[in-house]
Amino acid sequence: MKIRRKWNYKYIVIEDSSLENLGVMTDDGSYQYIMYLGCIDLKKVKFLPNPLKVKLEVHEYTFKSGITLDDWKRVEYGKHLLGAYIYTGVFLVLSDGKPIEV
């Protein structure tokens, strides 16, 4: 799976193995950038050490190659994807193989 986040005027493509930073919404509505650790199934989150539910700053995602614009699914404006934060980074949570919009 690939995700994209906007950085100034361009998109940054983040893959599971890239170890890029991803925006996590804080209580005051700003974003803190934390290392992205990949995807995890909702049923496996309970096995993480003290996971916290977080909102991830993702603009688009795809399960395809991501070569064409049609490959990307846009996250609705004002929405986020559900993440699980642990002390080493953040995971994108999937349910039935799809991201959860919050």
N, C-alpha and C. Protein backbone atom coordinates (compact mmCIF):
# COMPACT_ATOMS: atom_id res chain seq x y z
N MET A 1 0.84 -1.18 0.00
CA MET A 1 0.00 0.00 0.00
C MET A 1 0.88 1.24 0.00
N LYS A 2 0.45 2.24 -0.73
CA LYS A 2 1.14 3.53 -0.78
C LYS A 2 0.18 4.60 -0.30
N ILE A 3 0.73 5.59 0.39
CA ILE A 3 -0.06 6.74 0.81
C ILE A 3 0.66 8.00 0.37
N ARG A 4 -0.10 9.08 0.24
CA ARG A 4 0.50 10.36 -0.12
C ARG A 4 0.05 11.41 0.87
N ARG A 5 0.99 12.26 1.23
CA ARG A 5 0.67 13.42 2.04
C ARG A 5 1.22 14.63 1.32
N LYS A 6 0.57 15.75 1.53
CA LYS A 6 0.98 16.98 0.86
C LYS A 6 2.04 17.69 1.69
N TRP A 7 3.06 18.15 1.03
CA TRP A 7 4.12 18.92 1.68
C TRP A 7 4.36 20.15 0.82
N ASN A 8 3.91 21.30 1.31
CA ASN A 8 3.96 22.55 0.55
C ASN A 8 3.19 22.39 -0.75
N TYR A 9 3.87 22.37 -1.87
CA TYR A 9 3.22 22.33 -3.18
C TYR A 9 3.24 20.95 -3.84
N LYS A 10 3.83 19.96 -3.19
CA LYS A 10 3.95 18.65 -3.83
C LYS A 10 3.48 17.54 -2.90
N TYR A 11 3.29 16.36 -3.46
CA TYR A 11 2.92 15.18 -2.69
C TYR A 11 4.15 14.32 -2.43
N ILE A 12 4.21 13.75 -1.24
CA ILE A 12 5.26 12.80 -0.89
C ILE A 12 4.62 11.43 -0.82
N VAL A 13 5.16 10.47 -1.57
CA VAL A 13 4.65 9.10 -1.58
C VAL A 13 5.37 8.34 -0.48
N ILE A 14 4.58 7.68 0.37
CA ILE A 14 5.13 6.92 1.49
C ILE A 14 4.68 5.47 1.35
N GLU A 15 5.64 4.56 1.39
CA GLU A 15 5.35 3.14 1.34
C GLU A 15 5.66 2.52 2.70
N ASP A 16 5.19 1.30 2.90
CA ASP A 16 5.37 0.64 4.20
C ASP A 16 6.82 0.59 4.65
N SER A 17 7.73 0.41 3.72
CA SER A 17 9.13 0.23 4.09
C SER A 17 9.95 1.51 4.04
N SER A 18 9.32 2.66 3.79
CA SER A 18 10.09 3.88 3.55
C SER A 18 10.57 4.58 4.83
N LEU A 19 9.92 4.34 5.96
CA LEU A 19 10.27 4.97 7.23
C LEU A 19 10.26 6.50 7.16
N GLU A 20 9.36 7.05 6.36
CA GLU A 20 9.16 8.50 6.28
C GLU A 20 8.36 8.96 7.49
N ASN A 21 8.32 10.26 7.71
CA ASN A 21 7.49 10.82 8.76
C ASN A 21 6.10 11.12 8.24
N LEU A 22 5.10 10.89 9.08
CA LEU A 22 3.71 11.11 8.73
C LEU A 22 3.07 11.98 9.79
N GLY A 23 2.21 12.90 9.36
CA GLY A 23 1.57 13.82 10.29
C GLY A 23 0.52 13.14 11.15
N VAL A 24 0.60 13.38 12.45
CA VAL A 24 -0.37 12.89 13.43
C VAL A 24 -1.00 14.11 14.09
N MET A 25 -2.34 14.18 14.06
CA MET A 25 -3.03 15.34 14.63
C MET A 25 -2.91 15.33 16.15
N THR A 26 -2.54 16.49 16.71
CA THR A 26 -2.44 16.62 18.16
C THR A 26 -3.74 17.20 18.72
N ASP A 27 -3.84 17.29 20.02
CA ASP A 27 -5.06 17.79 20.66
C ASP A 27 -5.42 19.21 20.25
N ASP A 28 -4.42 20.04 19.94
CA ASP A 28 -4.71 21.42 19.56
C ASP A 28 -4.97 21.60 18.06
N GLY A 29 -4.99 20.49 17.30
CA GLY A 29 -5.30 20.55 15.87
C GLY A 29 -4.09 20.71 14.97
N SER A 30 -2.92 20.86 15.56
CA SER A 30 -1.70 20.93 14.74
C SER A 30 -1.20 19.50 14.48
N TYR A 31 -0.13 19.39 13.70
CA TYR A 31 0.40 18.07 13.37
C TYR A 31 1.82 17.91 13.89
N GLN A 32 2.08 16.73 14.40
CA GLN A 32 3.43 16.34 14.81
C GLN A 32 3.84 15.23 13.85
N TYR A 33 5.06 15.29 13.32
CA TYR A 33 5.49 14.32 12.32
C TYR A 33 6.28 13.20 12.99
N ILE A 34 5.77 11.97 12.79
CA ILE A 34 6.27 10.78 13.47
C ILE A 34 6.57 9.71 12.43
N MET A 35 7.55 8.85 12.71
CA MET A 35 7.95 7.81 11.78
C MET A 35 6.79 6.85 11.48
N TYR A 36 6.55 6.65 10.18
CA TYR A 36 5.50 5.74 9.72
C TYR A 36 6.06 4.33 9.67
N LEU A 37 5.40 3.40 10.35
CA LEU A 37 5.88 2.02 10.46
C LEU A 37 5.17 1.04 9.54
N GLY A 38 4.15 1.50 8.81
CA GLY A 38 3.44 0.62 7.90
C GLY A 38 1.99 0.42 8.31
N CYS A 39 1.37 -0.61 7.74
CA CYS A 39 -0.04 -0.91 8.00
C CYS A 39 -0.17 -2.05 9.00
N ILE A 40 -1.30 -2.03 9.72
CA ILE A 40 -1.59 -3.10 10.66
C ILE A 40 -3.10 -3.34 10.66
N ASP A 41 -3.49 -4.59 10.77
CA ASP A 41 -4.90 -4.93 10.82
C ASP A 41 -5.49 -4.54 12.17
N LEU A 42 -6.73 -4.10 12.15
CA LEU A 42 -7.42 -3.65 13.37
C LEU A 42 -7.40 -4.72 14.46
N LYS A 43 -7.51 -5.99 14.07
CA LYS A 43 -7.52 -7.08 15.05
C LYS A 43 -6.18 -7.29 15.72
N LYS A 44 -5.10 -6.80 15.11
CA LYS A 44 -3.75 -6.99 15.67
C LYS A 44 -3.28 -5.80 16.50
N VAL A 45 -4.02 -4.70 16.46
CA VAL A 45 -3.62 -3.50 17.21
C VAL A 45 -3.52 -3.79 18.70
N LYS A 46 -4.41 -4.64 19.22
CA LYS A 46 -4.41 -4.94 20.66
C LYS A 46 -3.12 -5.61 21.13
N PHE A 47 -2.34 -6.15 20.20
CA PHE A 47 -1.08 -6.79 20.57
C PHE A 47 0.10 -5.81 20.60
N LEU A 48 -0.14 -4.56 20.20
CA LEU A 48 0.91 -3.54 20.28
C LEU A 48 1.08 -3.07 21.72
N PRO A 49 2.27 -2.60 22.08
CA PRO A 49 2.49 -2.11 23.44
C PRO A 49 1.88 -0.72 23.65
N ASN A 50 0.79 -0.64 24.41
CA ASN A 50 0.11 0.62 24.74
C ASN A 50 -0.21 1.49 23.53
N PRO A 51 -0.98 0.98 22.58
CA PRO A 51 -1.30 1.79 21.40
C PRO A 51 -2.29 2.91 21.72
N LEU A 52 -2.14 4.03 21.06
CA LEU A 52 -3.06 5.15 21.18
C LEU A 52 -3.71 5.39 19.82
N LYS A 53 -5.03 5.65 19.80
CA LYS A 53 -5.72 6.00 18.56
C LYS A 53 -5.31 7.41 18.17
N VAL A 54 -4.95 7.58 16.90
CA VAL A 54 -4.58 8.90 16.39
C VAL A 54 -5.19 9.11 15.01
N LYS A 55 -5.23 10.37 14.59
CA LYS A 55 -5.70 10.73 13.26
C LYS A 55 -4.47 11.04 12.41
N LEU A 56 -4.38 10.37 11.25
CA LEU A 56 -3.22 10.53 10.38
C LEU A 56 -3.52 11.49 9.24
N GLU A 57 -2.55 12.32 8.92
CA GLU A 57 -2.65 13.29 7.83
C GLU A 57 -2.28 12.60 6.52
N VAL A 58 -3.28 12.03 5.87
CA VAL A 58 -3.09 11.36 4.59
C VAL A 58 -4.06 11.99 3.60
N HIS A 59 -3.57 12.33 2.42
CA HIS A 59 -4.42 12.95 1.41
C HIS A 59 -4.96 11.93 0.42
N GLU A 60 -4.16 10.91 0.08
CA GLU A 60 -4.58 9.89 -0.87
C GLU A 60 -3.88 8.58 -0.53
N TYR A 61 -4.49 7.48 -0.99
CA TYR A 61 -3.87 6.17 -0.81
C TYR A 61 -4.23 5.27 -1.99
N THR A 62 -3.42 4.23 -2.18
CA THR A 62 -3.67 3.27 -3.25
C THR A 62 -3.12 1.91 -2.88
N PHE A 63 -3.75 0.89 -3.44
CA PHE A 63 -3.26 -0.48 -3.31
C PHE A 63 -2.63 -0.93 -4.63
N LYS A 64 -2.67 -0.05 -5.63
CA LYS A 64 -2.12 -0.35 -6.96
C LYS A 64 -0.73 0.25 -7.08
N SER A 65 -0.24 0.32 -8.31
CA SER A 65 1.11 0.83 -8.55
C SER A 65 1.22 2.32 -8.27
N GLY A 66 0.11 3.06 -8.43
CA GLY A 66 0.14 4.50 -8.18
C GLY A 66 0.69 5.31 -9.33
N ILE A 67 0.80 4.68 -10.51
CA ILE A 67 1.36 5.38 -11.66
C ILE A 67 0.39 6.42 -12.21
N THR A 68 -0.89 6.06 -12.30
CA THR A 68 -1.87 7.00 -12.84
C THR A 68 -2.68 7.64 -11.71
N LEU A 69 -3.27 8.78 -11.98
CA LEU A 69 -4.09 9.46 -10.98
C LEU A 69 -5.32 8.64 -10.60
N ASP A 70 -5.82 7.82 -11.53
CA ASP A 70 -6.99 6.99 -11.26
C ASP A 70 -6.71 5.91 -10.21
N ASP A 71 -5.44 5.60 -9.99
CA ASP A 71 -5.08 4.58 -8.99
C ASP A 71 -5.30 5.07 -7.57
N TRP A 72 -5.33 6.37 -7.35
CA TRP A 72 -5.35 6.95 -6.01
C TRP A 72 -6.76 7.24 -5.53
N LYS A 73 -7.03 6.91 -4.26
CA LYS A 73 -8.32 7.21 -3.60
C LYS A 73 -8.07 8.39 -2.68
N ARG A 74 -8.80 9.47 -2.90
CA ARG A 74 -8.62 10.70 -2.11
C ARG A 74 -9.39 10.60 -0.79
N VAL A 75 -8.75 11.03 0.28
CA VAL A 75 -9.40 11.12 1.59
C VAL A 75 -10.21 12.41 1.60
N GLU A 76 -11.46 12.31 1.98
CA GLU A 76 -12.36 13.47 1.96
C GLU A 76 -11.78 14.62 2.78
N TYR A 77 -11.97 15.85 2.30
CA TYR A 77 -11.45 17.04 2.98
C TYR A 77 -11.99 17.09 4.41
N GLY A 78 -11.11 17.33 5.36
CA GLY A 78 -11.50 17.40 6.77
C GLY A 78 -11.48 16.05 7.47
N LYS A 79 -11.28 14.97 6.72
CA LYS A 79 -11.21 13.63 7.29
C LYS A 79 -9.76 13.20 7.43
N HIS A 80 -9.56 12.18 8.23
CA HIS A 80 -8.24 11.61 8.45
C HIS A 80 -8.36 10.09 8.37
N LEU A 81 -7.23 9.41 8.39
CA LEU A 81 -7.24 7.95 8.48
C LEU A 81 -6.83 7.56 9.89
N LEU A 82 -7.41 6.47 10.37
CA LEU A 82 -7.14 6.00 11.73
C LEU A 82 -5.74 5.41 11.82
N GLY A 83 -5.04 5.81 12.86
CA GLY A 83 -3.70 5.30 13.11
C GLY A 83 -3.58 4.77 14.52
N ALA A 84 -2.52 4.02 14.75
CA ALA A 84 -2.19 3.51 16.08
C ALA A 84 -0.77 3.96 16.40
N TYR A 85 -0.64 4.79 17.44
CA TYR A 85 0.66 5.32 17.83
C TYR A 85 1.26 4.47 18.94
N ILE A 86 2.53 4.11 18.76
CA ILE A 86 3.30 3.47 19.83
C ILE A 86 4.59 4.28 19.98
N TYR A 87 5.40 3.96 20.95
CA TYR A 87 6.56 4.79 21.27
C TYR A 87 7.58 4.88 20.13
N THR A 88 7.59 3.95 19.19
CA THR A 88 8.58 3.98 18.10
C THR A 88 8.06 4.59 16.82
N GLY A 89 6.75 4.82 16.72
CA GLY A 89 6.19 5.37 15.49
C GLY A 89 4.69 5.18 15.42
N VAL A 90 4.17 5.24 14.19
CA VAL A 90 2.74 5.17 14.00
C VAL A 90 2.41 4.19 12.86
N PHE A 91 1.32 3.43 13.05
CA PHE A 91 0.82 2.51 12.04
C PHE A 91 -0.48 3.05 11.45
N LEU A 92 -0.75 2.72 10.20
CA LEU A 92 -2.04 2.96 9.58
C LEU A 92 -2.89 1.73 9.84
N VAL A 93 -4.08 1.91 10.41
CA VAL A 93 -4.95 0.79 10.79
C VAL A 93 -5.87 0.44 9.62
N LEU A 94 -5.93 -0.85 9.29
CA LEU A 94 -6.79 -1.35 8.22
C LEU A 94 -7.88 -2.25 8.81
N SER A 95 -9.07 -2.17 8.23
CA SER A 95 -10.15 -3.05 8.58
C SER A 95 -10.61 -3.73 7.29
N ASP A 96 -10.56 -5.05 7.27
CA ASP A 96 -10.86 -5.81 6.05
C ASP A 96 -10.00 -5.33 4.88
N GLY A 97 -8.77 -4.98 5.16
CA GLY A 97 -7.83 -4.58 4.13
C GLY A 97 -7.97 -3.15 3.62
N LYS A 98 -8.83 -2.35 4.25
CA LYS A 98 -9.03 -0.97 3.81
C LYS A 98 -8.81 0.00 4.97
N PRO A 99 -8.29 1.19 4.68
CA PRO A 99 -8.11 2.21 5.74
C PRO A 99 -9.45 2.66 6.31
N ILE A 100 -9.42 3.12 7.54
CA ILE A 100 -10.63 3.58 8.24
C ILE A 100 -10.60 5.10 8.29
N GLU A 101 -11.60 5.75 7.68
CA GLU A 101 -11.67 7.21 7.73
C GLU A 101 -12.35 7.65 9.03
N VAL A 102 -11.75 8.66 9.67
CA VAL A 102 -12.32 9.22 10.91
C VAL A 102 -12.40 10.73 10.80
